[in-house]
Each structure stands twice: as C-alpha cells, then as structure tokens.
C-alpha cells in the first residue's frame, strides 16, 4: 500500500479546495472592511466510514471549511418621531443637513398658515436668541 498523500487524494480535489479556502482567508485578512486582528480558521475534516461487511472498503468524506471574519458593522443614527397627525416617521440623522436648523413654534406657525400670513423665520430665530 502507498502512503496517504493529501495532494493526490480524490484526484487532487481536496487539495484544490484547501488552496481555494486559503485564498479566501488571505482575501478576508486583506479586506479593510473586516476586523484586522481577529483570527481566521481553516478546518479540514476527513471522515472514514468502513463498510459493515467488508472493513477493507472505506468511504472517505472530505470537508474543507473556513471560519472568516464578518464585515465590520456600519453605524448610523436615525430620528424617529410623530408628525403630530398619528404617523410615526423616521429619517437618517445627518449632521450636515441639520446645521442651522431651528424649532418653529407649531401653534404660531399654524395660526399664520390659517390666516394666510407668511412665516417670518428670521423673526423666529431672533426670538430664540
């Protein structure tokens, strides 16, 4: 009998899967969206199952698995609030679009809207300051 050589086993198919899995590990390590310092794993599992009537006849199953790092979480922030009409709305909070924004007194704005008046935002801003 010959020695068992993983490179030749199953016509080289197991060795090819190992090479592909190692390449996946390399790419996962090099990807800047992944955690850099965490470990990656490559597992090669060989299962030998002899035939119950003839122990010289053995089925061998090879499984090559990787345990890679997932992509880093992406964080953002949302504002969720009622529109005053029974609807709850949400929008992503963006510091740049929120700059200079001010709160308008809802009652005064509704009074001006129903009376056909124009809302003077500059006057509102001066009241706040």
N, C-alpha and C. Protein backbone atom coordinates (compact mmCIF):
# COMPACT_ATOMS: atom_id res chain seq x y z
N UNK A 1 0.84 -1.20 0.00
CA UNK A 1 0.00 0.00 0.00
C UNK A 1 0.88 1.25 0.00
N UNK A 2 0.36 2.27 -0.67
CA UNK A 2 1.07 3.54 -0.74
C UNK A 2 0.74 4.40 0.47
N UNK A 3 1.60 5.38 0.70
CA UNK A 3 1.34 6.35 1.77
C UNK A 3 0.19 7.26 1.34
N UNK A 4 -0.55 7.73 2.32
CA UNK A 4 -1.65 8.67 2.05
C UNK A 4 -1.05 10.04 1.76
N UNK A 5 -1.34 10.59 0.59
CA UNK A 5 -0.88 11.93 0.23
C UNK A 5 -2.10 12.81 -0.04
N UNK A 6 -2.27 13.80 0.78
CA UNK A 6 -3.42 14.68 0.66
C UNK A 6 -3.46 15.36 -0.71
N UNK A 7 -2.29 15.69 -1.25
CA UNK A 7 -2.23 16.37 -2.55
C UNK A 7 -2.84 15.53 -3.67
N UNK A 8 -2.75 14.20 -3.53
CA UNK A 8 -3.23 13.30 -4.58
C UNK A 8 -4.61 12.73 -4.29
N UNK A 9 -5.08 12.85 -3.08
CA UNK A 9 -6.33 12.21 -2.67
C UNK A 9 -7.51 12.75 -3.48
N UNK A 10 -8.40 11.88 -3.90
CA UNK A 10 -9.60 12.21 -4.69
C UNK A 10 -9.23 12.98 -5.95
N UNK A 11 -8.14 12.55 -6.56
CA UNK A 11 -7.71 13.19 -7.81
C UNK A 11 -7.24 14.62 -7.62
N UNK A 12 -6.84 14.98 -6.42
CA UNK A 12 -6.37 16.34 -6.13
C UNK A 12 -7.49 17.30 -5.77
N UNK A 13 -8.73 16.83 -5.71
CA UNK A 13 -9.88 17.71 -5.43
C UNK A 13 -9.82 18.30 -4.02
N UNK A 14 -9.40 17.50 -3.05
CA UNK A 14 -9.32 18.01 -1.68
C UNK A 14 -8.25 19.10 -1.58
N UNK A 15 -7.09 18.86 -2.19
CA UNK A 15 -6.02 19.85 -2.18
C UNK A 15 -6.47 21.15 -2.86
N UNK A 16 -7.23 21.02 -3.94
CA UNK A 16 -7.74 22.21 -4.64
C UNK A 16 -8.68 23.01 -3.74
N UNK A 17 -9.55 22.31 -3.02
CA UNK A 17 -10.46 23.01 -2.09
C UNK A 17 -9.67 23.70 -0.98
N UNK A 18 -8.62 23.07 -0.52
CA UNK A 18 -7.79 23.69 0.52
C UNK A 18 -7.14 24.95 -0.03
N UNK A 19 -6.61 24.89 -1.24
CA UNK A 19 -5.99 26.08 -1.85
C UNK A 19 -7.01 27.22 -1.99
N UNK A 20 -8.23 26.89 -2.43
CA UNK A 20 -9.28 27.91 -2.57
C UNK A 20 -9.64 28.50 -1.21
N UNK A 21 -9.73 27.66 -0.18
CA UNK A 21 -10.08 28.13 1.16
C UNK A 21 -8.99 29.04 1.72
N UNK A 22 -7.73 28.68 1.49
CA UNK A 22 -6.63 29.53 1.94
C UNK A 22 -6.68 30.88 1.24
N UNK A 23 -7.02 30.88 -0.04
CA UNK A 23 -7.16 32.15 -0.77
C UNK A 23 -8.27 33.01 -0.15
N UNK A 24 -9.38 32.38 0.24
CA UNK A 24 -10.47 33.10 0.91
C UNK A 24 -9.97 33.73 2.21
N UNK A 25 -9.16 33.00 2.96
CA UNK A 25 -8.59 33.52 4.21
C UNK A 25 -7.71 34.74 3.90
N UNK A 26 -6.85 34.62 2.90
CA UNK A 26 -5.99 35.75 2.52
C UNK A 26 -6.81 36.98 2.17
N UNK A 27 -7.85 36.79 1.36
CA UNK A 27 -8.68 37.91 0.93
C UNK A 27 -9.43 38.52 2.11
N UNK A 28 -9.88 37.69 3.04
CA UNK A 28 -10.57 38.18 4.22
C UNK A 28 -9.63 39.01 5.09
N UNK A 29 -8.39 38.57 5.22
CA UNK A 29 -7.41 39.32 6.01
C UNK A 29 -7.09 40.65 5.34
N UNK A 30 -6.97 40.66 4.02
CA UNK A 30 -6.59 41.87 3.29
C UNK A 30 -7.73 42.88 3.17
N UNK A 31 -8.96 42.45 3.35
CA UNK A 31 -10.13 43.33 3.16
C UNK A 31 -10.21 44.35 4.30
N UNK A 32 -10.16 45.66 4.00
CA UNK A 32 -10.20 46.67 5.05
C UNK A 32 -11.55 46.77 5.76
N UNK A 33 -12.58 46.11 5.24
CA UNK A 33 -13.90 46.11 5.88
C UNK A 33 -14.02 45.04 6.96
N UNK A 34 -13.00 44.25 7.16
CA UNK A 34 -13.02 43.17 8.15
C UNK A 34 -12.16 43.57 9.35
N UNK A 35 -12.47 42.98 10.50
CA UNK A 35 -11.64 43.19 11.68
C UNK A 35 -10.24 42.65 11.40
N UNK A 36 -9.23 43.46 11.65
CA UNK A 36 -7.87 43.09 11.27
C UNK A 36 -7.24 42.05 12.20
N UNK A 37 -7.42 42.20 13.49
CA UNK A 37 -6.64 41.42 14.44
C UNK A 37 -7.28 40.09 14.84
N UNK A 38 -8.49 39.82 14.43
CA UNK A 38 -9.16 38.59 14.84
C UNK A 38 -8.71 37.41 13.99
N UNK A 39 -8.72 36.22 14.61
CA UNK A 39 -8.23 35.01 13.95
C UNK A 39 -9.21 34.49 12.91
N UNK A 40 -8.66 33.88 11.88
CA UNK A 40 -9.43 33.16 10.88
C UNK A 40 -9.07 31.67 11.02
N UNK A 41 -10.01 30.78 10.66
CA UNK A 41 -9.75 29.35 10.80
C UNK A 41 -10.01 28.64 9.49
N UNK A 42 -9.21 27.61 9.26
CA UNK A 42 -9.41 26.70 8.13
C UNK A 42 -9.43 25.30 8.74
N UNK A 43 -10.52 24.59 8.51
CA UNK A 43 -10.69 23.25 9.06
C UNK A 43 -10.81 22.25 7.92
N UNK A 44 -10.02 21.20 8.02
CA UNK A 44 -10.09 20.09 7.07
C UNK A 44 -10.58 18.88 7.84
N UNK A 45 -11.73 18.39 7.45
CA UNK A 45 -12.33 17.25 8.17
C UNK A 45 -12.39 16.05 7.23
N UNK A 46 -11.74 14.98 7.63
CA UNK A 46 -11.78 13.74 6.87
C UNK A 46 -12.54 12.72 7.71
N UNK A 47 -13.59 12.14 7.15
CA UNK A 47 -14.39 11.13 7.84
C UNK A 47 -14.23 9.80 7.11
N UNK A 48 -13.83 8.80 7.85
CA UNK A 48 -13.61 7.45 7.29
C UNK A 48 -14.72 6.54 7.79
N UNK A 49 -15.49 5.96 6.87
CA UNK A 49 -16.60 5.09 7.25
C UNK A 49 -16.43 3.73 6.56
N UNK A 50 -15.99 2.71 7.34
CA UNK A 50 -15.82 1.38 6.76
C UNK A 50 -17.17 0.73 6.46
N UNK A 51 -17.18 -0.10 5.45
CA UNK A 51 -18.38 -0.88 5.13
C UNK A 51 -18.59 -1.91 6.24
N UNK A 52 -19.85 -2.12 6.63
CA UNK A 52 -20.11 -3.02 7.76
C UNK A 52 -19.76 -4.48 7.45
N UNK A 53 -19.76 -4.87 6.19
CA UNK A 53 -19.46 -6.25 5.83
C UNK A 53 -18.00 -6.45 5.40
N UNK A 54 -17.37 -5.40 4.97
CA UNK A 54 -16.00 -5.53 4.47
C UNK A 54 -15.20 -4.32 4.92
N UNK A 55 -14.43 -4.48 5.96
CA UNK A 55 -13.68 -3.37 6.53
C UNK A 55 -12.58 -2.84 5.60
N UNK A 56 -12.32 -3.55 4.54
CA UNK A 56 -11.31 -3.05 3.60
C UNK A 56 -11.90 -2.02 2.63
N UNK A 57 -13.22 -1.92 2.60
CA UNK A 57 -13.92 -0.96 1.73
C UNK A 57 -14.34 0.23 2.62
N UNK A 58 -13.71 1.37 2.43
CA UNK A 58 -13.93 2.52 3.32
C UNK A 58 -14.33 3.74 2.48
N UNK A 59 -15.47 4.34 2.84
CA UNK A 59 -15.88 5.61 2.22
C UNK A 59 -15.21 6.74 2.99
N UNK A 60 -14.64 7.68 2.25
CA UNK A 60 -13.98 8.82 2.89
C UNK A 60 -14.65 10.09 2.39
N UNK A 61 -15.07 10.91 3.34
CA UNK A 61 -15.68 12.20 3.02
C UNK A 61 -14.73 13.30 3.49
N UNK A 62 -14.48 14.26 2.62
CA UNK A 62 -13.59 15.38 2.96
C UNK A 62 -14.40 16.67 2.92
N UNK A 63 -14.30 17.42 4.01
CA UNK A 63 -14.96 18.72 4.09
C UNK A 63 -13.91 19.76 4.45
N UNK A 64 -13.87 20.83 3.67
CA UNK A 64 -12.96 21.94 3.93
C UNK A 64 -13.82 23.15 4.29
N UNK A 65 -13.62 23.68 5.50
CA UNK A 65 -14.44 24.80 5.97
C UNK A 65 -13.54 25.96 6.39
N UNK A 66 -14.06 27.15 6.17
CA UNK A 66 -13.38 28.35 6.67
C UNK A 66 -14.27 29.04 7.67
N UNK A 67 -13.66 29.66 8.63
CA UNK A 67 -14.37 30.50 9.59
C UNK A 67 -13.70 31.86 9.49
N UNK A 68 -14.32 32.74 8.70
CA UNK A 68 -13.75 34.05 8.41
C UNK A 68 -14.40 35.11 9.27
N UNK A 69 -13.83 36.29 9.26
CA UNK A 69 -14.40 37.40 10.00
C UNK A 69 -15.47 38.08 9.15
N UNK A 70 -16.60 38.41 9.77
CA UNK A 70 -17.64 39.14 9.02
C UNK A 70 -17.21 40.59 8.81
N UNK A 71 -17.89 41.24 7.91
CA UNK A 71 -17.60 42.65 7.69
C UNK A 71 -17.90 43.44 8.95
N UNK A 72 -17.15 44.53 9.14
CA UNK A 72 -17.38 45.41 10.28
C UNK A 72 -18.80 45.98 10.20
N UNK A 73 -19.37 46.22 11.36
CA UNK A 73 -20.70 46.83 11.40
C UNK A 73 -20.63 48.27 10.90
N UNK A 74 -21.67 48.70 10.23
CA UNK A 74 -21.78 50.07 9.75
C UNK A 74 -22.77 50.78 10.66
N UNK A 75 -22.36 51.89 11.21
CA UNK A 75 -23.20 52.61 12.16
C UNK A 75 -23.76 53.88 11.54
N UNK A 76 -24.95 54.21 11.94
CA UNK A 76 -25.58 55.47 11.56
C UNK A 76 -26.56 55.82 12.68
N UNK A 77 -27.26 56.90 12.55
CA UNK A 77 -28.22 57.31 13.56
C UNK A 77 -29.48 57.80 12.86
N UNK A 78 -30.62 57.51 13.46
CA UNK A 78 -31.89 57.94 12.88
C UNK A 78 -32.67 58.77 13.90
N UNK A 79 -33.55 59.57 13.37
CA UNK A 79 -34.51 60.31 14.19
C UNK A 79 -35.87 59.71 13.88
N UNK A 80 -36.59 59.31 14.92
CA UNK A 80 -37.92 58.73 14.76
C UNK A 80 -38.85 59.54 15.65
N UNK A 81 -39.91 60.10 15.05
CA UNK A 81 -40.85 60.89 15.84
C UNK A 81 -42.20 60.96 15.14
N UNK A 82 -43.17 61.40 15.89
CA UNK A 82 -44.53 61.55 15.36
C UNK A 82 -44.63 62.85 14.60
N UNK A 83 -45.46 62.86 13.55
CA UNK A 83 -45.66 64.10 12.80
C UNK A 83 -46.83 64.91 13.36
N UNK A 84 -47.38 64.47 14.49
CA UNK A 84 -48.49 65.18 15.11
C UNK A 84 -49.84 64.81 14.52
N UNK A 85 -49.85 63.98 13.52
CA UNK A 85 -51.10 63.55 12.87
C UNK A 85 -51.31 62.04 13.02
N UNK A 86 -50.59 61.42 13.96
CA UNK A 86 -50.75 60.00 14.20
C UNK A 86 -49.80 59.12 13.40
N UNK A 87 -48.94 59.73 12.61
CA UNK A 87 -47.96 58.97 11.83
C UNK A 87 -46.60 59.04 12.50
N UNK A 88 -45.90 57.94 12.52
CA UNK A 88 -44.54 57.92 13.03
C UNK A 88 -43.61 57.84 11.84
N UNK A 89 -42.67 58.77 11.77
CA UNK A 89 -41.76 58.86 10.64
C UNK A 89 -40.33 58.71 11.12
N UNK A 90 -39.47 58.26 10.25
CA UNK A 90 -38.06 58.12 10.57
C UNK A 90 -37.21 58.62 9.43
N UNK A 91 -36.06 59.17 9.76
CA UNK A 91 -35.11 59.63 8.76
C UNK A 91 -33.72 59.51 9.35
N UNK A 92 -32.77 59.27 8.48
CA UNK A 92 -31.39 59.20 8.95
C UNK A 92 -30.93 60.58 9.39
N UNK A 93 -30.29 60.62 10.54
CA UNK A 93 -29.78 61.87 11.07
C UNK A 93 -28.48 62.19 10.37
N UNK A 94 -28.38 63.40 9.85
CA UNK A 94 -27.19 63.81 9.13
C UNK A 94 -26.78 65.17 9.67
N UNK A 95 -25.62 65.21 10.30
CA UNK A 95 -25.15 66.45 10.95
C UNK A 95 -25.11 67.62 9.97
N UNK A 96 -24.69 67.38 8.74
CA UNK A 96 -24.56 68.47 7.78
C UNK A 96 -25.92 69.06 7.39
N UNK A 97 -26.95 68.23 7.24
CA UNK A 97 -28.25 68.76 6.85
C UNK A 97 -28.98 69.36 8.04
N UNK A 98 -28.53 69.08 9.25
CA UNK A 98 -29.20 69.60 10.44
C UNK A 98 -28.62 70.94 10.90
N UNK A 99 -27.46 71.37 10.36
CA UNK A 99 -26.83 72.61 10.81
C UNK A 99 -27.75 73.80 10.58
N UNK A 100 -27.86 74.63 11.59
CA UNK A 100 -28.65 75.85 11.47
C UNK A 100 -30.14 75.63 11.56
N UNK A 101 -30.56 74.40 11.72
CA UNK A 101 -31.99 74.13 11.81
C UNK A 101 -32.51 74.64 13.15
N UNK A 102 -33.72 75.15 13.14
CA UNK A 102 -34.30 75.66 14.38
C UNK A 102 -35.71 75.15 14.56
N UNK A 103 -36.18 75.18 15.78
CA UNK A 103 -37.53 74.72 16.11
C UNK A 103 -38.50 75.89 15.89
N UNK A 104 -39.59 75.64 15.21
CA UNK A 104 -40.61 76.67 15.00
C UNK A 104 -41.79 76.34 15.91
N UNK A 105 -42.29 77.37 16.57
CA UNK A 105 -43.45 77.18 17.44
C UNK A 105 -44.62 76.73 16.57
N UNK A 106 -45.09 75.51 16.78
CA UNK A 106 -46.11 74.90 15.93
C UNK A 106 -47.43 75.69 15.98
N UNK A 107 -47.83 76.13 17.16
CA UNK A 107 -49.11 76.88 17.27
C UNK A 107 -49.05 78.18 16.49
N UNK A 108 -47.94 78.91 16.63
CA UNK A 108 -47.81 80.18 15.91
C UNK A 108 -47.77 79.95 14.41
N UNK A 109 -47.07 78.90 13.98
CA UNK A 109 -46.99 78.60 12.55
C UNK A 109 -48.35 78.23 12.00
N UNK A 110 -49.13 77.42 12.74
CA UNK A 110 -50.46 77.03 12.27
C UNK A 110 -51.37 78.24 12.21
N UNK A 111 -51.27 79.16 13.19
CA UNK A 111 -52.08 80.37 13.18
C UNK A 111 -51.76 81.21 11.95
N UNK A 112 -50.48 81.36 11.65
CA UNK A 112 -50.08 82.16 10.50
C UNK A 112 -50.49 81.48 9.19
N UNK A 113 -50.41 80.15 9.14
CA UNK A 113 -50.81 79.43 7.93
C UNK A 113 -52.30 79.58 7.67
N UNK A 114 -53.13 79.45 8.71
CA UNK A 114 -54.57 79.52 8.51
C UNK A 114 -55.03 80.95 8.24
N UNK A 115 -54.28 81.93 8.72
CA UNK A 115 -54.68 83.31 8.45
C UNK A 115 -54.09 83.83 7.15
N UNK A 116 -53.35 82.96 6.44
CA UNK A 116 -52.78 83.37 5.15
C UNK A 116 -51.51 84.17 5.31
N UNK A 117 -50.99 84.28 6.54
CA UNK A 117 -49.78 85.06 6.76
C UNK A 117 -48.53 84.30 6.37
N UNK A 118 -47.47 85.04 6.22
CA UNK A 118 -46.17 84.46 5.88
C UNK A 118 -45.42 84.22 7.18
N UNK A 119 -44.78 83.08 7.28
CA UNK A 119 -43.99 82.77 8.48
C UNK A 119 -42.64 83.44 8.34
N UNK A 120 -42.33 84.32 9.27
CA UNK A 120 -41.06 85.04 9.25
C UNK A 120 -40.04 84.25 10.06
N UNK A 121 -39.22 83.47 9.37
CA UNK A 121 -38.24 82.64 10.06
C UNK A 121 -37.16 83.46 10.75
N UNK A 122 -36.80 84.59 10.18
CA UNK A 122 -35.78 85.44 10.81
C UNK A 122 -36.28 85.95 12.16
N UNK A 123 -37.57 86.33 12.21
CA UNK A 123 -38.14 86.79 13.48
C UNK A 123 -38.18 85.65 14.48
N UNK A 124 -38.50 84.45 14.02
CA UNK A 124 -38.50 83.29 14.90
C UNK A 124 -37.10 83.06 15.49
N UNK A 125 -36.09 83.19 14.64
CA UNK A 125 -34.73 82.96 15.08
C UNK A 125 -34.32 84.00 16.13
N UNK A 126 -34.71 85.26 15.93
CA UNK A 126 -34.37 86.30 16.89
C UNK A 126 -35.02 86.05 18.25
N UNK A 127 -36.26 85.49 18.25
CA UNK A 127 -36.93 85.18 19.50
C UNK A 127 -36.18 84.11 20.30
N UNK A 128 -35.62 83.15 19.58
CA UNK A 128 -34.88 82.06 20.22
C UNK A 128 -33.60 82.59 20.83
N UNK A 129 -32.94 83.50 20.14
CA UNK A 129 -31.65 84.04 20.61
C UNK A 129 -31.89 84.98 21.74
